[in-house]
Protein backbone atom coordinates (compact mmCIF):
# COMPACT_ATOMS: atom_id res chain seq x y z
CA UNK A 1 0.00 0.00 0.00
CA UNK A 2 2.76 2.42 0.94
CA UNK A 3 4.62 1.62 -2.29
CA UNK A 4 1.52 2.49 -4.37
CA UNK A 5 1.15 5.79 -2.55
CA UNK A 6 4.76 6.74 -3.28
CA UNK A 7 4.34 5.82 -6.95
CA UNK A 8 1.15 7.86 -7.32
CA UNK A 9 2.63 10.84 -5.47
CA UNK A 10 5.73 10.76 -7.67
CA UNK A 11 3.63 10.53 -10.84
CA UNK A 12 1.47 13.48 -9.80
CA UNK A 13 4.49 15.60 -8.88
CA UNK A 14 6.18 14.81 -12.20
CA UNK A 15 3.08 15.76 -14.18
CA UNK A 16 2.69 18.99 -12.23
CA UNK A 17 6.29 19.95 -12.89
CA UNK A 18 6.08 19.20 -16.61
CA UNK A 19 2.79 21.00 -17.12
CA UNK A 20 3.78 24.00 -15.04
CA UNK A 21 6.99 24.72 -16.89
CA UNK A 22 7.38 27.35 -19.50
CA UNK A 23 9.18 26.96 -22.79
CA UNK A 24 12.98 26.76 -22.76
CA UNK A 25 13.98 30.45 -23.06
CA UNK A 26 16.95 29.75 -25.36
CA UNK A 27 14.88 27.69 -27.79
CA UNK A 28 12.03 30.20 -27.70
CA UNK A 29 14.39 33.11 -28.37
CA UNK A 30 16.01 31.25 -31.27
CA UNK A 31 12.59 30.52 -32.80
CA UNK A 32 11.53 34.15 -32.45
CA UNK A 33 14.83 35.44 -33.86
CA UNK A 34 14.35 33.15 -36.87
CA UNK A 35 11.05 34.94 -37.50
CA UNK A 36 12.69 38.36 -37.40
CA UNK A 37 11.82 39.25 -33.81
CA UNK A 38 14.63 40.98 -31.90
CA UNK A 39 15.08 42.22 -28.32
CA UNK A 40 13.17 39.16 -27.12
CA UNK A 41 12.05 38.88 -23.51
CA UNK A 42 10.53 35.59 -22.42
CA UNK A 43 8.00 36.08 -19.65
CA UNK A 44 6.07 33.90 -17.26
CA UNK A 45 4.05 30.80 -17.96
CA UNK A 46 1.06 31.52 -20.20
CA UNK A 47 -2.14 29.80 -19.13
CA UNK A 48 -3.99 30.55 -22.36
CA UNK A 49 -3.04 30.91 -26.00
CA UNK A 50 -1.73 27.45 -26.90
CA UNK A 51 -3.34 24.29 -28.21
CA UNK A 52 -4.49 21.34 -26.13
CA UNK A 53 -1.48 19.28 -27.19
CA UNK A 54 0.98 21.91 -25.92
CA UNK A 55 2.31 21.23 -22.44
CA UNK A 56 4.53 24.31 -22.13
CA UNK A 57 3.72 27.93 -22.82
CA UNK A 58 5.44 31.24 -22.12
CA UNK A 59 4.58 34.83 -22.90
CA UNK A 60 7.05 36.89 -24.92
CA UNK A 61 7.75 40.46 -25.95
CA UNK A 62 10.03 41.70 -28.66
CA UNK A 63 10.54 44.04 -31.56
CA UNK A 64 9.31 43.04 -34.99
CA UNK A 65 11.26 43.42 -38.21
CA UNK A 66 9.31 46.64 -38.84
CA UNK A 67 10.49 48.09 -35.51
CA UNK A 68 7.10 47.83 -33.80
CA UNK A 69 6.52 46.00 -30.50
CA UNK A 70 5.32 42.41 -30.78
CA UNK A 71 3.76 40.24 -28.06
CA UNK A 72 2.43 36.73 -27.96
CA UNK A 73 2.92 33.22 -26.66
CA UNK A 74 5.48 30.56 -27.52
CA UNK A 75 4.19 27.00 -27.15
CA UNK A 76 5.83 23.59 -27.15
CA UNK A 77 5.33 20.00 -26.13
CA UNK A 78 7.50 16.97 -25.63
CA UNK A 79 8.93 15.82 -28.99
CA UNK A 80 7.52 18.91 -30.72
CA UNK A 81 9.07 22.13 -31.91
CA UNK A 82 8.20 25.67 -30.90
CA UNK A 83 4.97 27.29 -32.09
CA UNK A 84 4.72 31.08 -32.04
CA UNK A 85 1.31 32.68 -31.57
CA UNK A 86 1.04 36.43 -31.85
CA UNK A 87 -1.43 38.61 -29.93
PDB file of N, CA and C in Angstrom:
ATOM      1  N   UNK A   1       0.825  -1.191   0.000  1.00  0.00           N
ATOM      2  CA  UNK A   1       0.000   0.000   0.000  1.00  0.00           C
ATOM      3  C   UNK A   1       0.870   1.257   0.000  1.00  0.00           C
ATOM      4  N   UNK A   2       1.883   1.262   0.849  1.00  0.00           N
ATOM      5  CA  UNK A   2       2.758   2.419   0.935  1.00  0.00           C
ATOM      6  C   UNK A   2       3.512   2.626  -0.382  1.00  0.00           C
ATOM      7  N   UNK A   3       3.893   1.540  -1.028  1.00  0.00           N
ATOM      8  CA  UNK A   3       4.615   1.616  -2.293  1.00  0.00           C
ATOM      9  C   UNK A   3       3.727   2.253  -3.368  1.00  0.00           C
ATOM     10  N   UNK A   4       2.448   1.894  -3.403  1.00  0.00           N
ATOM     11  CA  UNK A   4       1.519   2.488  -4.368  1.00  0.00           C
ATOM     12  C   UNK A   4       1.358   3.986  -4.133  1.00  0.00           C
ATOM     13  N   UNK A   5       1.283   4.379  -2.876  1.00  0.00           N
ATOM     14  CA  UNK A   5       1.149   5.794  -2.554  1.00  0.00           C
ATOM     15  C   UNK A   5       2.354   6.586  -3.052  1.00  0.00           C
ATOM     16  N   UNK A   6       3.541   6.060  -2.835  1.00  0.00           N
ATOM     17  CA  UNK A   6       4.761   6.739  -3.280  1.00  0.00           C
ATOM     18  C   UNK A   6       4.771   6.853  -4.801  1.00  0.00           C
ATOM     19  N   UNK A   7       4.381   5.797  -5.490  1.00  0.00           N
ATOM     20  CA  UNK A   7       4.339   5.818  -6.949  1.00  0.00           C
ATOM     21  C   UNK A   7       3.354   6.872  -7.452  1.00  0.00           C
ATOM     22  N   UNK A   8       2.168   6.900  -6.894  1.00  0.00           N
ATOM     23  CA  UNK A   8       1.147   7.862  -7.318  1.00  0.00           C
ATOM     24  C   UNK A   8       1.596   9.285  -7.005  1.00  0.00           C
ATOM     25  N   UNK A   9       2.156   9.509  -5.840  1.00  0.00           N
ATOM     26  CA  UNK A   9       2.628  10.844  -5.466  1.00  0.00           C
ATOM     27  C   UNK A   9       3.741  11.311  -6.401  1.00  0.00           C
ATOM     28  N   UNK A  10       4.644  10.421  -6.753  1.00  0.00           N
ATOM     29  CA  UNK A  10       5.728  10.763  -7.675  1.00  0.00           C
ATOM     30  C   UNK A  10       5.180  11.080  -9.061  1.00  0.00           C
ATOM     31  N   UNK A  11       4.232  10.300  -9.524  1.00  0.00           N
ATOM     32  CA  UNK A  11       3.632  10.534 -10.840  1.00  0.00           C
ATOM     33  C   UNK A  11       2.914  11.880 -10.884  1.00  0.00           C
ATOM     34  N   UNK A  12       2.183  12.207  -9.847  1.00  0.00           N
ATOM     35  CA  UNK A  12       1.466  13.485  -9.801  1.00  0.00           C
ATOM     36  C   UNK A  12       2.449  14.649  -9.761  1.00  0.00           C
ATOM     37  N   UNK A  13       3.494  14.534  -8.969  1.00  0.00           N
ATOM     38  CA  UNK A  13       4.494  15.601  -8.882  1.00  0.00           C
ATOM     39  C   UNK A  13       5.194  15.800 -10.221  1.00  0.00           C
ATOM     40  N   UNK A  14       5.526  14.717 -10.895  1.00  0.00           N
ATOM     41  CA  UNK A  14       6.182  14.810 -12.201  1.00  0.00           C
ATOM     42  C   UNK A  14       5.282  15.499 -13.213  1.00  0.00           C
ATOM     43  N   UNK A  15       4.022  15.122 -13.251  1.00  0.00           N
ATOM     44  CA  UNK A  15       3.076  15.757 -14.176  1.00  0.00           C
ATOM     45  C   UNK A  15       2.923  17.241 -13.870  1.00  0.00           C
ATOM     46  N   UNK A  16       2.837  17.582 -12.608  1.00  0.00           N
ATOM     47  CA  UNK A  16       2.685  18.987 -12.226  1.00  0.00           C
ATOM     48  C   UNK A  16       3.898  19.806 -12.645  1.00  0.00           C
ATOM     49  N   UNK A  17       5.068  19.238 -12.503  1.00  0.00           N
ATOM     50  CA  UNK A  17       6.286  19.948 -12.895  1.00  0.00           C
ATOM     51  C   UNK A  17       6.330  20.142 -14.401  1.00  0.00           C
ATOM     52  N   UNK A  18       6.023  19.104 -15.159  1.00  0.00           N
ATOM     53  CA  UNK A  18       6.082  19.199 -16.615  1.00  0.00           C
ATOM     54  C   UNK A  18       5.038  20.155 -17.167  1.00  0.00           C
ATOM     55  N   UNK A  19       3.850  20.133 -16.622  1.00  0.00           N
ATOM     56  CA  UNK A  19       2.788  20.998 -17.121  1.00  0.00           C
ATOM     57  C   UNK A  19       3.034  22.442 -16.717  1.00  0.00           C
ATOM     58  N   UNK A  20       3.595  22.654 -15.552  1.00  0.00           N
ATOM     59  CA  UNK A  20       3.780  24.000 -15.041  1.00  0.00           C
ATOM     60  C   UNK A  20       4.971  24.736 -15.608  1.00  0.00           C
ATOM     61  N   UNK A  21       5.778  24.081 -16.378  1.00  0.00           N
ATOM     62  CA  UNK A  21       6.988  24.716 -16.895  1.00  0.00           C
ATOM     63  C   UNK A  21       6.691  25.539 -18.131  1.00  0.00           C
ATOM     64  N   UNK A  22       7.455  26.574 -18.279  1.00  0.00           N
ATOM     65  CA  UNK A  22       7.377  27.351 -19.500  1.00  0.00           C
ATOM     66  C   UNK A  22       8.306  26.762 -20.546  1.00  0.00           C
ATOM     67  N   UNK A  23       8.327  27.378 -21.685  1.00  0.00           N
ATOM     68  CA  UNK A  23       9.178  26.961 -22.794  1.00  0.00           C
ATOM     69  C   UNK A  23      10.628  27.303 -22.462  1.00  0.00           C
ATOM     70  N   UNK A  24      11.559  26.486 -22.939  1.00  0.00           N
ATOM     71  CA  UNK A  24      12.984  26.756 -22.755  1.00  0.00           C
ATOM     72  C   UNK A  24      13.297  28.124 -23.364  1.00  0.00           C
ATOM     73  N   UNK A  25      13.758  29.086 -22.561  1.00  0.00           N
ATOM     74  CA  UNK A  25      13.981  30.446 -23.063  1.00  0.00           C
ATOM     75  C   UNK A  25      14.947  30.527 -24.244  1.00  0.00           C
ATOM     76  N   UNK A  26      15.990  29.709 -24.249  1.00  0.00           N
ATOM     77  CA  UNK A  26      16.951  29.755 -25.359  1.00  0.00           C
ATOM     78  C   UNK A  26      16.315  29.279 -26.661  1.00  0.00           C
ATOM     79  N   UNK A  27      15.542  28.202 -26.589  1.00  0.00           N
ATOM     80  CA  UNK A  27      14.880  27.691 -27.793  1.00  0.00           C
ATOM     81  C   UNK A  27      13.803  28.660 -28.274  1.00  0.00           C
ATOM     82  N   UNK A  28      13.074  29.242 -27.339  1.00  0.00           N
ATOM     83  CA  UNK A  28      12.032  30.201 -27.705  1.00  0.00           C
ATOM     84  C   UNK A  28      12.640  31.434 -28.361  1.00  0.00           C
ATOM     85  N   UNK A  29      13.722  31.937 -27.792  1.00  0.00           N
ATOM     86  CA  UNK A  29      14.389  33.111 -28.366  1.00  0.00           C
ATOM     87  C   UNK A  29      14.919  32.811 -29.758  1.00  0.00           C
ATOM     88  N   UNK A  30      15.501  31.632 -29.942  1.00  0.00           N
ATOM     89  CA  UNK A  30      16.008  31.252 -31.267  1.00  0.00           C
ATOM     90  C   UNK A  30      14.876  31.176 -32.288  1.00  0.00           C
ATOM     91  N   UNK A  31      13.737  30.616 -31.892  1.00  0.00           N
ATOM     92  CA  UNK A  31      12.594  30.521 -32.805  1.00  0.00           C
ATOM     93  C   UNK A  31      12.068  31.907 -33.167  1.00  0.00           C
ATOM     94  N   UNK A  32      12.013  32.795 -32.189  1.00  0.00           N
ATOM     95  CA  UNK A  32      11.533  34.151 -32.454  1.00  0.00           C
ATOM     96  C   UNK A  32      12.528  34.931 -33.309  1.00  0.00           C
ATOM     97  N   UNK A  33      13.817  34.776 -33.036  1.00  0.00           N
ATOM     98  CA  UNK A  33      14.833  35.440 -33.861  1.00  0.00           C
ATOM     99  C   UNK A  33      14.757  34.973 -35.308  1.00  0.00           C
ATOM    100  N   UNK A  34      14.472  33.693 -35.516  1.00  0.00           N
ATOM    101  CA  UNK A  34      14.347  33.146 -36.871  1.00  0.00           C
ATOM    102  C   UNK A  34      13.169  33.772 -37.616  1.00  0.00           C
ATOM    103  N   UNK A  35      12.199  34.287 -36.878  1.00  0.00           N
ATOM    104  CA  UNK A  35      11.046  34.942 -37.498  1.00  0.00           C
ATOM    105  C   UNK A  35      11.216  36.457 -37.575  1.00  0.00           C
ATOM    106  N   UNK A  36      12.409  36.934 -37.266  1.00  0.00           N
ATOM    107  CA  UNK A  36      12.691  38.358 -37.396  1.00  0.00           C
ATOM    108  C   UNK A  36      12.374  39.185 -36.166  1.00  0.00           C
ATOM    109  N   UNK A  37      12.108  38.535 -35.052  1.00  0.00           N
ATOM    110  CA  UNK A  37      11.821  39.252 -33.806  1.00  0.00           C
ATOM    111  C   UNK A  37      13.134  39.455 -33.059  1.00  0.00           C
ATOM    112  N   UNK A  38      13.408  40.686 -32.647  1.00  0.00           N
ATOM    113  CA  UNK A  38      14.635  40.978 -31.896  1.00  0.00           C
ATOM    114  C   UNK A  38      14.267  41.508 -30.514  1.00  0.00           C
ATOM    115  N   UNK A  39      15.274  41.734 -29.693  1.00  0.00           N
ATOM    116  CA  UNK A  39      15.078  42.223 -28.322  1.00  0.00           C
ATOM    117  C   UNK A  39      14.030  41.389 -27.584  1.00  0.00           C
ATOM    118  N   UNK A  40      14.171  40.081 -27.671  1.00  0.00           N
ATOM    119  CA  UNK A  40      13.175  39.156 -27.122  1.00  0.00           C
ATOM    120  C   UNK A  40      13.292  39.064 -25.606  1.00  0.00           C
ATOM    121  N   UNK A  41      12.149  39.126 -24.945  1.00  0.00           N
ATOM    122  CA  UNK A  41      12.047  38.882 -23.513  1.00  0.00           C
ATOM    123  C   UNK A  41      11.014  37.785 -23.310  1.00  0.00           C
ATOM    124  N   UNK A  42      11.442  36.688 -22.711  1.00  0.00           N
ATOM    125  CA  UNK A  42      10.527  35.587 -22.417  1.00  0.00           C
ATOM    126  C   UNK A  42       9.969  35.818 -21.019  1.00  0.00           C
ATOM    127  N   UNK A  43       8.655  35.799 -20.921  1.00  0.00           N
ATOM    128  CA  UNK A  43       7.998  36.076 -19.650  1.00  0.00           C
ATOM    129  C   UNK A  43       7.589  34.820 -18.908  1.00  0.00           C
ATOM    130  N   UNK A  44       6.575  34.983 -18.104  1.00  0.00           N
ATOM    131  CA  UNK A  44       6.069  33.904 -17.263  1.00  0.00           C
ATOM    132  C   UNK A  44       5.281  32.884 -18.070  1.00  0.00           C
ATOM    133  N   UNK A  45       4.891  31.841 -17.372  1.00  0.00           N
ATOM    134  CA  UNK A  45       4.048  30.800 -17.958  1.00  0.00           C
ATOM    135  C   UNK A  45       2.744  31.421 -18.446  1.00  0.00           C
ATOM    136  N   UNK A  46       2.332  31.046 -19.642  1.00  0.00           N
ATOM    137  CA  UNK A  46       1.061  31.519 -20.198  1.00  0.00           C
ATOM    138  C   UNK A  46       0.011  30.428 -20.003  1.00  0.00           C
ATOM    139  N   UNK A  47      -1.094  30.780 -19.391  1.00  0.00           N
ATOM    140  CA  UNK A  47      -2.137  29.799 -19.133  1.00  0.00           C
ATOM    141  C   UNK A  47      -3.073  29.623 -20.321  1.00  0.00           C
ATOM    142  N   UNK A  48      -3.120  30.611 -21.198  1.00  0.00           N
ATOM    143  CA  UNK A  48      -3.994  30.549 -22.363  1.00  0.00           C
ATOM    144  C   UNK A  48      -3.185  30.900 -23.604  1.00  0.00           C
ATOM    145  N   UNK A  49      -3.679  30.510 -24.761  1.00  0.00           N
ATOM    146  CA  UNK A  49      -3.037  30.907 -26.002  1.00  0.00           C
ATOM    147  C   UNK A  49      -2.429  29.769 -26.792  1.00  0.00           C
ATOM    148  N   UNK A  50      -2.317  28.590 -26.198  1.00  0.00           N
ATOM    149  CA  UNK A  50      -1.733  27.451 -26.904  1.00  0.00           C
ATOM    150  C   UNK A  50      -2.778  26.360 -27.105  1.00  0.00           C
ATOM    151  N   UNK A  51      -2.435  25.389 -27.936  1.00  0.00           N
ATOM    152  CA  UNK A  51      -3.340  24.286 -28.208  1.00  0.00           C
ATOM    153  C   UNK A  51      -3.373  23.272 -27.079  1.00  0.00           C
ATOM    154  N   UNK A  52      -4.335  22.370 -27.159  1.00  0.00           N
ATOM    155  CA  UNK A  52      -4.486  21.343 -26.129  1.00  0.00           C
ATOM    156  C   UNK A  52      -3.286  20.405 -26.059  1.00  0.00           C
ATOM    157  N   UNK A  53      -2.612  20.204 -27.178  1.00  0.00           N
ATOM    158  CA  UNK A  53      -1.475  19.280 -27.194  1.00  0.00           C
ATOM    159  C   UNK A  53      -0.191  19.914 -26.667  1.00  0.00           C
ATOM    160  N   UNK A  54      -0.205  21.222 -26.433  1.00  0.00           N
ATOM    161  CA  UNK A  54       0.981  21.908 -25.918  1.00  0.00           C
ATOM    162  C   UNK A  54       1.028  21.807 -24.399  1.00  0.00           C
ATOM    163  N   UNK A  55       2.169  21.372 -23.885  1.00  0.00           N
ATOM    164  CA  UNK A  55       2.313  21.232 -22.439  1.00  0.00           C
ATOM    165  C   UNK A  55       3.103  22.377 -21.816  1.00  0.00           C
ATOM    166  N   UNK A  56       3.740  23.179 -22.636  1.00  0.00           N
ATOM    167  CA  UNK A  56       4.528  24.306 -22.131  1.00  0.00           C
ATOM    168  C   UNK A  56       4.155  25.562 -22.898  1.00  0.00           C
ATOM    169  N   UNK A  57       4.075  26.664 -22.183  1.00  0.00           N
ATOM    170  CA  UNK A  57       3.719  27.929 -22.821  1.00  0.00           C
ATOM    171  C   UNK A  57       4.316  29.088 -22.036  1.00  0.00           C
ATOM    172  N   UNK A  58       4.880  30.042 -22.751  1.00  0.00           N
ATOM    173  CA  UNK A  58       5.444  31.236 -22.124  1.00  0.00           C
ATOM    174  C   UNK A  58       5.069  32.464 -22.936  1.00  0.00           C
ATOM    175  N   UNK A  59       4.841  33.557 -22.235  1.00  0.00           N
ATOM    176  CA  UNK A  59       4.584  34.831 -22.901  1.00  0.00           C
ATOM    177  C   UNK A  59       5.907  35.387 -23.416  1.00  0.00           C
ATOM    178  N   UNK A  60       5.838  36.229 -24.441  1.00  0.00           N
ATOM    179  CA  UNK A  60       7.050  36.891 -24.920  1.00  0.00           C
ATOM    180  C   UNK A  60       6.732  38.303 -25.370  1.00  0.00           C
ATOM    181  N   UNK A  61       7.783  39.112 -25.394  1.00  0.00           N
ATOM    182  CA  UNK A  61       7.745  40.464 -25.949  1.00  0.00           C
ATOM    183  C   UNK A  61       8.980  40.626 -26.804  1.00  0.00           C
ATOM    184  N   UNK A  62       8.870  41.437 -27.817  1.00  0.00           N
ATOM    185  CA  UNK A  62      10.026  41.697 -28.656  1.00  0.00           C
ATOM    186  C   UNK A  62       9.744  42.827 -29.625  1.00  0.00           C
ATOM    187  N   UNK A  63      10.671  43.019 -30.532  1.00  0.00           N
ATOM    188  CA  UNK A  63      10.545  44.040 -31.558  1.00  0.00           C
ATOM    189  C   UNK A  63      10.505  43.350 -32.909  1.00  0.00           C
ATOM    190  N   UNK A  64       9.460  43.643 -33.678  1.00  0.00           N
ATOM    191  CA  UNK A  64       9.308  43.035 -34.990  1.00  0.00           C
ATOM    192  C   UNK A  64      10.292  43.605 -35.992  1.00  0.00           C
ATOM    193  N   UNK A  65      10.350  42.983 -37.151  1.00  0.00           N
ATOM    194  CA  UNK A  65      11.258  43.424 -38.209  1.00  0.00           C
ATOM    195  C   UNK A  65      10.952  44.854 -38.655  1.00  0.00           C
ATOM    196  N   UNK A  66       9.697  45.282 -38.467  1.00  0.00           N
ATOM    197  CA  UNK A  66       9.307  46.641 -38.843  1.00  0.00           C
ATOM    198  C   UNK A  66       9.580  47.660 -37.737  1.00  0.00           C
ATOM    199  N   UNK A  67      10.153  47.204 -36.612  1.00  0.00           N
ATOM    200  CA  UNK A  67      10.490  48.093 -35.508  1.00  0.00           C
ATOM    201  C   UNK A  67       9.374  48.294 -34.496  1.00  0.00           C
ATOM    202  N   UNK A  68       8.230  47.676 -34.722  1.00  0.00           N
ATOM    203  CA  UNK A  68       7.099  47.826 -33.803  1.00  0.00           C
ATOM    204  C   UNK A  68       7.119  46.726 -32.743  1.00  0.00           C
ATOM    205  N   UNK A  69       6.575  47.024 -31.560  1.00  0.00           N
ATOM    206  CA  UNK A  69       6.524  46.004 -30.505  1.00  0.00           C
ATOM    207  C   UNK A  69       5.635  44.824 -30.903  1.00  0.00           C
ATOM    208  N   UNK A  70       6.053  43.638 -30.498  1.00  0.00           N
ATOM    209  CA  UNK A  70       5.316  42.413 -30.781  1.00  0.00           C
ATOM    210  C   UNK A  70       5.172  41.644 -29.474  1.00  0.00           C
ATOM    211  N   UNK A  71       3.986  41.090 -29.231  1.00  0.00           N
ATOM    212  CA  UNK A  71       3.765  40.245 -28.060  1.00  0.00           C
ATOM    213  C   UNK A  71       3.043  38.984 -28.498  1.00  0.00           C
ATOM    214  N   UNK A  72       3.119  37.974 -27.653  1.00  0.00           N
ATOM    215  CA  UNK A  72       2.432  36.730 -27.956  1.00  0.00           C
ATOM    216  C   UNK A  72       2.827  35.635 -26.995  1.00  0.00           C
ATOM    217  N   UNK A  73       2.639  34.406 -27.460  1.00  0.00           N
ATOM    218  CA  UNK A  73       2.921  33.223 -26.656  1.00  0.00           C
ATOM    219  C   UNK A  73       3.740  32.249 -27.497  1.00  0.00           C
ATOM    220  N   UNK A  74       4.753  31.656 -26.884  1.00  0.00           N
ATOM    221  CA  UNK A  74       5.482  30.561 -27.520  1.00  0.00           C
ATOM    222  C   UNK A  74       5.046  29.271 -26.838  1.00  0.00           C
ATOM    223  N   UNK A  75       4.741  28.261 -27.646  1.00  0.00           N
ATOM    224  CA  UNK A  75       4.192  27.004 -27.147  1.00  0.00           C
ATOM    225  C   UNK A  75       5.088  25.848 -27.573  1.00  0.00           C
ATOM    226  N   UNK A  76       5.100  24.799 -26.769  1.00  0.00           N
ATOM    227  CA  UNK A  76       5.826  23.591 -27.151  1.00  0.00           C
ATOM    228  C   UNK A  76       5.276  22.403 -26.375  1.00  0.00           C
ATOM    229  N   UNK A  77       5.687  21.246 -26.803  1.00  0.00           N
ATOM    230  CA  UNK A  77       5.330  20.001 -26.130  1.00  0.00           C
ATOM    231  C   UNK A  77       6.498  19.043 -26.292  1.00  0.00           C
ATOM    232  N   UNK A  78       6.449  17.974 -25.560  1.00  0.00           N
ATOM    233  CA  UNK A  78       7.496  16.975 -25.628  1.00  0.00           C
ATOM    234  C   UNK A  78       7.540  16.400 -27.035  1.00  0.00           C
ATOM    235  N   UNK A  79       8.711  16.316 -27.632  1.00  0.00           N
ATOM    236  CA  UNK A  79       8.930  15.821 -28.993  1.00  0.00           C
ATOM    237  C   UNK A  79       8.252  16.691 -30.050  1.00  0.00           C
ATOM    238  N   UNK A  80       8.130  17.979 -29.779  1.00  0.00           N
ATOM    239  CA  UNK A  80       7.518  18.915 -30.718  1.00  0.00           C
ATOM    240  C   UNK A  80       8.343  20.192 -30.723  1.00  0.00           C
ATOM    241  N   UNK A  81       8.353  20.868 -31.830  1.00  0.00           N
ATOM    242  CA  UNK A  81       9.073  22.129 -31.914  1.00  0.00           C
ATOM    243  C   UNK A  81       8.321  23.262 -31.234  1.00  0.00           C
ATOM    244  N   UNK A  82       8.787  24.464 -31.484  1.00  0.00           N
ATOM    245  CA  UNK A  82       8.197  25.666 -30.904  1.00  0.00           C
ATOM    246  C   UNK A  82       7.152  26.226 -31.868  1.00  0.00           C
ATOM    247  N   UNK A  83       6.011  26.599 -31.333  1.00  0.00           N
ATOM    248  CA  UNK A  83       4.973  27.289 -32.095  1.00  0.00           C
ATOM    249  C   UNK A  83       4.869  28.703 -31.549  1.00  0.00           C
ATOM    250  N   UNK A  84       4.837  29.682 -32.443  1.00  0.00           N
ATOM    251  CA  UNK A  84       4.717  31.084 -32.037  1.00  0.00           C
ATOM    252  C   UNK A  84       3.308  31.550 -32.365  1.00  0.00           C
ATOM    253  N   UNK A  85       2.652  32.116 -31.377  1.00  0.00           N
ATOM    254  CA  UNK A  85       1.309  32.678 -31.573  1.00  0.00           C
ATOM    255  C   UNK A  85       1.352  34.139 -31.156  1.00  0.00           C
ATOM    256  N   UNK A  86       0.988  34.990 -32.092  1.00  0.00           N
ATOM    257  CA  UNK A  86       1.036  36.430 -31.851  1.00  0.00           C
ATOM    258  C   UNK A  86      -0.292  36.934 -31.306  1.00  0.00           C
ATOM    259  N   UNK A  87      -0.208  37.970 -30.454  1.00  0.00           N
ATOM    260  CA  UNK A  87      -1.430  38.605 -29.932  1.00  0.00           C
ATOM    261  C   UNK A  87      -2.085  39.423 -31.016  1.00  0.00           C
TER     262      UNK A  87
END
